Amino acid sequence: MKVKICGLRDGDNIQAVAALAPHYVGFICYGPSPRYINDMPAQTLANLPAEIYKTGVFVNESKENIAKLINQYGFNAIQLHGNESPEFTQSFRDRVLVLKAFGLDKNFDFEQLNAYANKVDYFLFDTKTDLHGGSGKTFDWGVLDNYKLNVPFFLSGGLSLGNLDEVKTIRHPQFYGVDLNSKFETSPGVKDIEKLKKAFEMLNYTTNEIRS
């Protein structure tokens, strides 16, 4: 199982998280978020291990600004959390991995994903809220049984030390990884390293899984 740690912005904390060797680290490029990286110096990410995918997270951002920030921070993956079209998502795939996020609830129509099937690398299924992620709330994971495409997905939304054992029981063939964020923080944008270490233990995570 792949592990993505999202919502980082403090330089020292970023280095501490990177030392745990997650597969992906996420940086919120969306002003209203309490985890917004704002004008974080590009040098903060310059020395992260090449094995870790640096992921820029965007919400209805312009193509031009996404391209600018990919260049500025050296992102090698992007996560799109807004109403981006299939054509929009596909336009970046020659440069970076593309994750398209969708907020799920019990009434989610999985048919809408068909148009994205060959235009993204991964889906990310989060809890449907007005916050575009980071809500700390879970959704009913039973709805994942309605997902029938062959595109792998990350699970997000309220994952914590209290429910990771349940996460491990999900047997969907396209379940690819977990996205850990708000339940593993000391404050918005600053991750609790000890909690993350415990999460890695619970997930039987080993660093030799990197990019495998």
C-alpha atoms as a PDB file:
ATOM      1  CA  MET A   1       0.000   0.000   0.000  1.00  0.00           C
ATOM      2  CA  LYS A   2       1.329   3.421  -0.966  1.00  0.00           C
ATOM      3  CA  VAL A   3       1.399   6.228   1.601  1.00  0.00           C
ATOM      4  CA  LYS A   4       0.851   9.902   0.822  1.00  0.00           C
ATOM      5  CA  ILE A   5       1.363  12.545   3.497  1.00  0.00           C
ATOM      6  CA  CYS A   6      -0.509  15.679   2.505  1.00  0.00           C
ATOM      7  CA  GLY A   7      -0.711  19.262   3.700  1.00  0.00           C
ATOM      8  CA  LEU A   8       2.933  20.055   4.505  1.00  0.00           C
ATOM      9  CA  ARG A   9       4.397  23.558   4.633  1.00  0.00           C
ATOM     10  CA  ASP A  10       6.974  23.871   7.442  1.00  0.00           C
ATOM     11  CA  GLY A  11      10.559  23.319   6.284  1.00  0.00           C
ATOM     12  CA  ASP A  12      11.860  21.342   9.256  1.00  0.00           C
ATOM     13  CA  ASN A  13       8.670  19.290   9.450  1.00  0.00           C
ATOM     14  CA  ILE A  14       8.881  18.513   5.727  1.00  0.00           C
ATOM     15  CA  GLN A  15      12.374  17.135   6.213  1.00  0.00           C
ATOM     16  CA  ALA A  16      11.254  15.047   9.184  1.00  0.00           C
ATOM     17  CA  VAL A  17       8.376  13.592   7.170  1.00  0.00           C
ATOM     18  CA  ALA A  18      10.675  12.910   4.212  1.00  0.00           C
ATOM     19  CA  ALA A  19      12.983  10.956   6.528  1.00  0.00           C
ATOM     20  CA  LEU A  20      10.123   8.472   6.991  1.00  0.00           C
ATOM     21  CA  ALA A  21      10.252   7.860   3.216  1.00  0.00           C
ATOM     22  CA  PRO A  22       6.581   8.083   2.234  1.00  0.00           C
ATOM     23  CA  HIS A  23       5.825   7.505  -1.433  1.00  0.00           C
ATOM     24  CA  TYR A  24       4.178  10.916  -1.896  1.00  0.00           C
ATOM     25  CA  VAL A  25       4.205  14.241  -0.048  1.00  0.00           C
ATOM     26  CA  GLY A  26       1.539  16.836  -0.804  1.00  0.00           C
ATOM     27  CA  PHE A  27       1.645  20.622  -0.800  1.00  0.00           C
ATOM     28  CA  ILE A  28      -1.572  22.648  -0.856  1.00  0.00           C
ATOM     29  CA  CYS A  29      -1.538  25.381  -3.499  1.00  0.00           C
ATOM     30  CA  TYR A  30      -4.996  26.677  -2.645  1.00  0.00           C
ATOM     31  CA  GLY A  31      -5.365  29.946  -0.756  1.00  0.00           C
ATOM     32  CA  PRO A  32      -8.437  29.191   1.390  1.00  0.00           C
ATOM     33  CA  SER A  33      -6.842  26.081   2.898  1.00  0.00           C
ATOM     34  CA  PRO A  34      -5.296  26.393   6.375  1.00  0.00           C
ATOM     35  CA  ARG A  35      -2.421  24.346   4.932  1.00  0.00           C
ATOM     36  CA  TYR A  36      -1.748  26.718   2.035  1.00  0.00           C
ATOM     37  CA  ILE A  37       1.964  26.891   1.243  1.00  0.00           C
ATOM     38  CA  ASN A  38       1.636  30.569   0.253  1.00  0.00           C
ATOM     39  CA  ASP A  39       5.111  31.849  -0.712  1.00  0.00           C
ATOM     40  CA  MET A  40       7.094  28.884   0.627  1.00  0.00           C
ATOM     41  CA  PRO A  41      10.631  29.090  -0.778  1.00  0.00           C
ATOM     42  CA  ALA A  42      11.300  26.622  -3.574  1.00  0.00           C
ATOM     43  CA  GLN A  43      14.548  25.682  -1.825  1.00  0.00           C
ATOM     44  CA  THR A  44      12.468  24.047   0.915  1.00  0.00           C
ATOM     45  CA  LEU A  45      11.692  21.180  -1.474  1.00  0.00           C
ATOM     46  CA  ALA A  46      14.915  21.178  -3.462  1.00  0.00           C
ATOM     47  CA  ASN A  47      16.679  18.515  -1.412  1.00  0.00           C
ATOM     48  CA  LEU A  48      13.865  16.035  -0.923  1.00  0.00           C
ATOM     49  CA  PRO A  49      14.787  12.477  -1.976  1.00  0.00           C
ATOM     50  CA  ALA A  50      14.141  11.853  -5.660  1.00  0.00           C
ATOM     51  CA  GLU A  51      12.179   8.702  -4.758  1.00  0.00           C
ATOM     52  CA  ILE A  52       9.412  10.757  -3.142  1.00  0.00           C
ATOM     53  CA  TYR A  53       6.769  12.223  -5.439  1.00  0.00           C
ATOM     54  CA  LYS A  54       6.347  15.908  -4.650  1.00  0.00           C
ATOM     55  CA  THR A  55       2.663  16.567  -5.243  1.00  0.00           C
ATOM     56  CA  GLY A  56       1.089  19.971  -5.785  1.00  0.00           C
ATOM     57  CA  VAL A  57      -2.581  20.126  -4.778  1.00  0.00           C
ATOM     58  CA  PHE A  58      -4.802  22.522  -6.744  1.00  0.00           C
ATOM     59  CA  VAL A  59      -8.475  23.547  -6.770  1.00  0.00           C
ATOM     60  CA  ASN A  60      -9.830  25.025 -10.018  1.00  0.00           C
ATOM     61  CA  GLU A  61      -6.488  26.650 -10.708  1.00  0.00           C
ATOM     62  CA  SER A  62      -5.498  27.977 -14.119  1.00  0.00           C
ATOM     63  CA  LYS A  63      -3.386  25.803 -16.378  1.00  0.00           C
ATOM     64  CA  GLU A  64      -0.781  28.552 -16.523  1.00  0.00           C
ATOM     65  CA  ASN A  65      -0.377  28.819 -12.759  1.00  0.00           C
ATOM     66  CA  ILE A  66      -0.208  25.058 -12.299  1.00  0.00           C
ATOM     67  CA  ALA A  67       2.548  24.895 -14.902  1.00  0.00           C
ATOM     68  CA  LYS A  68       4.366  27.761 -13.177  1.00  0.00           C
ATOM     69  CA  LEU A  69       4.284  26.047  -9.785  1.00  0.00           C
ATOM     70  CA  ILE A  70       5.334  22.685 -11.253  1.00  0.00           C
ATOM     71  CA  ASN A  71       8.447  24.434 -12.513  1.00  0.00           C
ATOM     72  CA  GLN A  72       8.981  26.485  -9.358  1.00  0.00           C
ATOM     73  CA  TYR A  73       8.763  23.624  -6.876  1.00  0.00           C
ATOM     74  CA  GLY A  74       9.770  20.677  -9.031  1.00  0.00           C
ATOM     75  CA  PHE A  75       6.460  18.880  -8.547  1.00  0.00           C
ATOM     76  CA  ASN A  76       6.407  15.486 -10.240  1.00  0.00           C
ATOM     77  CA  ALA A  77       2.742  14.850  -9.421  1.00  0.00           C
ATOM     78  CA  ILE A  78      -0.338  17.056  -9.166  1.00  0.00           C
ATOM     79  CA  GLN A  79      -3.644  16.488  -7.403  1.00  0.00           C
ATOM     80  CA  LEU A  80      -6.670  18.272  -8.822  1.00  0.00           C
ATOM     81  CA  HIS A  81      -9.460  18.826  -6.306  1.00  0.00           C
ATOM     82  CA  GLY A  82     -11.896  21.013  -8.205  1.00  0.00           C
ATOM     83  CA  ASN A  83     -14.118  20.777 -11.272  1.00  0.00           C
ATOM     84  CA  GLU A  84     -11.275  20.152 -13.707  1.00  0.00           C
ATOM     85  CA  SER A  85     -12.379  18.536 -16.977  1.00  0.00           C
ATOM     86  CA  PRO A  86     -10.950  15.273 -18.330  1.00  0.00           C
ATOM     87  CA  GLU A  87      -9.168  17.259 -21.050  1.00  0.00           C
ATOM     88  CA  PHE A  88      -7.660  19.569 -18.442  1.00  0.00           C
ATOM     89  CA  THR A  89      -6.301  16.665 -16.400  1.00  0.00           C
ATOM     90  CA  GLN A  90      -4.898  14.918 -19.453  1.00  0.00           C
ATOM     91  CA  SER A  91      -3.014  18.032 -20.544  1.00  0.00           C
ATOM     92  CA  PHE A  92      -0.486  17.577 -17.712  1.00  0.00           C
ATOM     93  CA  ARG A  93       0.205  13.867 -18.052  1.00  0.00           C
ATOM     94  CA  ASP A  94       3.227  14.337 -20.282  1.00  0.00           C
ATOM     95  CA  ARG A  95       4.906  16.242 -17.434  1.00  0.00           C
ATOM     96  CA  VAL A  96       3.671  14.807 -14.125  1.00  0.00           C
ATOM     97  CA  LEU A  97       1.535  12.098 -12.574  1.00  0.00           C
ATOM     98  CA  VAL A  98      -2.064  13.280 -12.296  1.00  0.00           C
ATOM     99  CA  LEU A  99      -4.374  12.470  -9.382  1.00  0.00           C
ATOM    100  CA  LYS A 100      -8.003  13.578  -9.753  1.00  0.00           C
ATOM    101  CA  ALA A 101      -9.872  13.918  -6.482  1.00  0.00           C
ATOM    102  CA  PHE A 102     -13.601  13.406  -5.970  1.00  0.00           C
ATOM    103  CA  GLY A 103     -15.661  13.919  -2.832  1.00  0.00           C
ATOM    104  CA  LEU A 104     -17.815  10.862  -2.107  1.00  0.00           C
ATOM    105  CA  ASP A 105     -21.026  10.342  -0.218  1.00  0.00           C
ATOM    106  CA  LYS A 106     -23.652   7.595  -0.330  1.00  0.00           C
ATOM    107  CA  ASN A 107     -25.212   9.092  -3.463  1.00  0.00           C
ATOM    108  CA  PHE A 108     -22.010   9.506  -5.478  1.00  0.00           C
ATOM    109  CA  ASP A 109     -22.431   8.661  -9.170  1.00  0.00           C
ATOM    110  CA  PHE A 110     -19.384   6.643 -10.202  1.00  0.00           C
ATOM    111  CA  GLU A 111     -20.456   6.856 -13.849  1.00  0.00           C
ATOM    112  CA  GLN A 112     -19.049  10.384 -13.978  1.00  0.00           C
ATOM    113  CA  LEU A 113     -15.567   8.916 -13.632  1.00  0.00           C
ATOM    114  CA  ASN A 114     -15.748   7.121 -16.972  1.00  0.00           C
ATOM    115  CA  ALA A 115     -14.711  10.232 -18.871  1.00  0.00           C
ATOM    116  CA  TYR A 116     -11.501  10.435 -16.819  1.00  0.00           C
ATOM    117  CA  ALA A 117     -10.537   6.763 -17.121  1.00  0.00           C
ATOM    118  CA  ASN A 118      -7.764   7.268 -19.682  1.00  0.00           C
ATOM    119  CA  LYS A 119      -6.911  10.827 -18.738  1.00  0.00           C
ATOM    120  CA  VAL A 120      -5.581  10.486 -15.176  1.00  0.00           C
ATOM    121  CA  ASP A 121      -3.082   8.223 -13.457  1.00  0.00           C
ATOM    122  CA  TYR A 122      -5.000   7.851 -10.193  1.00  0.00           C
ATOM    123  CA  PHE A 123      -8.218   8.868  -8.524  1.00  0.00           C
ATOM    124  CA  LEU A 124      -8.341  10.092  -4.944  1.00  0.00           C
ATOM    125  CA  PHE A 125     -11.594   9.472  -3.096  1.00  0.00           C
ATOM    126  CA  ASP A 126     -12.210  11.922  -0.277  1.00  0.00           C
ATOM    127  CA  THR A 127     -15.207  12.816   1.861  1.00  0.00           C
ATOM    128  CA  LYS A 128     -17.665  15.142   0.137  1.00  0.00           C
ATOM    129  CA  THR A 129     -17.604  18.546   1.856  1.00  0.00           C
ATOM    130  CA  ASP A 130     -17.395  22.187   0.810  1.00  0.00           C
ATOM    131  CA  LEU A 131     -13.760  22.298   1.907  1.00  0.00           C
ATOM    132  CA  HIS A 132     -12.083  20.483  -1.018  1.00  0.00           C
ATOM    133  CA  GLY A 133     -10.322  18.121   1.370  1.00  0.00           C
ATOM    134  CA  GLY A 134      -8.770  18.338   4.808  1.00  0.00           C
ATOM    135  CA  SER A 135     -12.120  18.021   6.574  1.00  0.00           C
ATOM    136  CA  GLY A 136     -11.038  15.218   8.896  1.00  0.00           C
ATOM    137  CA  LYS A 137     -14.284  13.392   8.131  1.00  0.00           C
ATOM    138  CA  THR A 138     -14.680   9.884   6.770  1.00  0.00           C
ATOM    139  CA  PHE A 139     -17.285   8.576   4.322  1.00  0.00           C
ATOM    140  CA  ASP A 140     -18.928   5.157   4.105  1.00  0.00           C
ATOM    141  CA  TRP A 141     -16.192   3.074   2.492  1.00  0.00           C
ATOM    142  CA  GLY A 142     -18.805   0.539   1.465  1.00  0.00           C
ATOM    143  CA  VAL A 143     -19.647   2.757  -1.526  1.00  0.00           C
ATOM    144  CA  LEU A 144     -16.255   1.864  -2.992  1.00  0.00           C
ATOM    145  CA  ASP A 145     -17.813  -1.444  -4.055  1.00  0.00           C
ATOM    146  CA  ASN A 146     -19.595   0.581  -6.749  1.00  0.00           C
ATOM    147  CA  TYR A 147     -16.296   1.624  -8.332  1.00  0.00           C
ATOM    148  CA  LYS A 148     -15.636  -0.605 -11.354  1.00  0.00           C
ATOM    149  CA  LEU A 149     -12.915   1.119 -13.385  1.00  0.00           C
ATOM    150  CA  ASN A 150      -9.308  -0.051 -13.639  1.00  0.00           C
ATOM    151  CA  VAL A 151      -7.754   3.233 -12.496  1.00  0.00           C
ATOM    152  CA  PRO A 152      -6.068   2.808  -9.079  1.00  0.00           C
ATOM    153  CA  PHE A 153      -7.249   5.073  -6.271  1.00  0.00           C
ATOM    154  CA  PHE A 154      -6.041   6.659  -3.057  1.00  0.00           C
ATOM    155  CA  LEU A 155      -8.338   6.735  -0.038  1.00  0.00           C
ATOM    156  CA  SER A 156      -8.560  10.026   1.840  1.00  0.00           C
ATOM    157  CA  GLY A 157     -10.807  11.707   4.378  1.00  0.00           C
ATOM    158  CA  GLY A 158     -10.455  11.388   8.138  1.00  0.00           C
ATOM    159  CA  LEU A 159      -7.929   8.564   8.153  1.00  0.00           C
ATOM    160  CA  SER A 160      -6.489   8.202  11.643  1.00  0.00           C
ATOM    161  CA  LEU A 161      -4.777   5.795  14.015  1.00  0.00           C
ATOM    162  CA  GLY A 162      -8.277   4.846  15.137  1.00  0.00           C
ATOM    163  CA  ASN A 163      -9.426   3.519  11.778  1.00  0.00           C
ATOM    164  CA  LEU A 164      -6.331   2.334   9.902  1.00  0.00           C
ATOM    165  CA  ASP A 165      -6.968  -1.244  10.982  1.00  0.00           C
ATOM    166  CA  GLU A 166     -10.347  -1.000   9.267  1.00  0.00           C
ATOM    167  CA  VAL A 167      -8.712   0.542   6.205  1.00  0.00           C
ATOM    168  CA  LYS A 168      -6.518  -2.542   5.941  1.00  0.00           C
ATOM    169  CA  THR A 169      -9.631  -4.699   5.509  1.00  0.00           C
ATOM    170  CA  ILE A 170     -10.617  -2.932   2.258  1.00  0.00           C
ATOM    171  CA  ARG A 171     -10.121  -5.487  -0.497  1.00  0.00           C
ATOM    172  CA  HIS A 172     -10.967  -3.470  -3.592  1.00  0.00           C
ATOM    173  CA  PRO A 173      -8.602  -4.527  -6.417  1.00  0.00           C
ATOM    174  CA  GLN A 174      -7.831  -0.906  -7.327  1.00  0.00           C
ATOM    175  CA  PHE A 175      -7.144   0.303  -3.776  1.00  0.00           C
ATOM    176  CA  TYR A 176      -3.666   1.726  -4.243  1.00  0.00           C
ATOM    177  CA  GLY A 177      -2.810   3.936  -1.289  1.00  0.00           C
ATOM    178  CA  VAL A 178      -3.815   6.097   1.659  1.00  0.00           C
ATOM    179  CA  ASP A 179      -3.678   9.855   2.039  1.00  0.00           C
ATOM    180  CA  LEU A 180      -2.868  10.963   5.595  1.00  0.00           C
ATOM    181  CA  ASN A 181      -3.493  14.546   6.583  1.00  0.00           C
ATOM    182  CA  SER A 182      -5.480  16.316   9.286  1.00  0.00           C
ATOM    183  CA  LYS A 183      -5.602  13.512  11.869  1.00  0.00           C
ATOM    184  CA  PHE A 184      -1.809  13.393  11.933  1.00  0.00           C
ATOM    185  CA  GLU A 185      -1.102  17.018  12.827  1.00  0.00           C
ATOM    186  CA  THR A 186      -0.011  19.090  15.776  1.00  0.00           C
ATOM    187  CA  SER A 187      -1.377  22.157  13.951  1.00  0.00           C
ATOM    188  CA  PRO A 188      -2.555  22.773  10.368  1.00  0.00           C
ATOM    189  CA  GLY A 189       0.332  21.977   8.052  1.00  0.00           C
ATOM    190  CA  VAL A 190       2.601  20.495  10.741  1.00  0.00           C
ATOM    191  CA  LYS A 191       2.615  16.711  11.005  1.00  0.00           C
ATOM    192  CA  ASP A 192       3.007  14.672  14.181  1.00  0.00           C
ATOM    193  CA  ILE A 193       6.002  12.482  13.387  1.00  0.00           C
ATOM    194  CA  GLU A 194       5.316   9.978  16.154  1.00  0.00           C
ATOM    195  CA  LYS A 195       1.745   9.480  14.958  1.00  0.00           C
ATOM    196  CA  LEU A 196       3.011   8.955  11.415  1.00  0.00           C
ATOM    197  CA  LYS A 197       5.550   6.395  12.607  1.00  0.00           C
ATOM    198  CA  LYS A 198       2.757   4.514  14.339  1.00  0.00           C
ATOM    199  CA  ALA A 199       0.627   4.691  11.182  1.00  0.00           C
ATOM    200  CA  PHE A 200       3.469   3.252   9.124  1.00  0.00           C
ATOM    201  CA  GLU A 201       3.786   0.403  11.612  1.00  0.00           C
ATOM    202  CA  MET A 202       0.053  -0.294  11.443  1.00  0.00           C
ATOM    203  CA  LEU A 203       0.172  -0.341   7.647  1.00  0.00           C
ATOM    204  CA  ASN A 204       3.185  -2.683   7.676  1.00  0.00           C
ATOM    205  CA  TYR A 205       4.966  -0.051   5.625  1.00  0.00           C
ATOM    206  CA  THR A 206       8.564  -0.620   4.568  1.00  0.00           C
ATOM    207  CA  THR A 207      10.732   1.835   2.670  1.00  0.00           C
ATOM    208  CA  ASN A 208      11.679  -0.801   0.103  1.00  0.00           C
ATOM    209  CA  GLU A 209       8.147  -0.414  -1.274  1.00  0.00           C
ATOM    210  CA  ILE A 210       9.102   3.008  -2.631  1.00  0.00           C
ATOM    211  CA  ARG A 211       8.074   3.371  -6.264  1.00  0.00           C
ATOM    212  CA  SER A 212       7.586  -0.370  -6.588  1.00  0.00           C
END
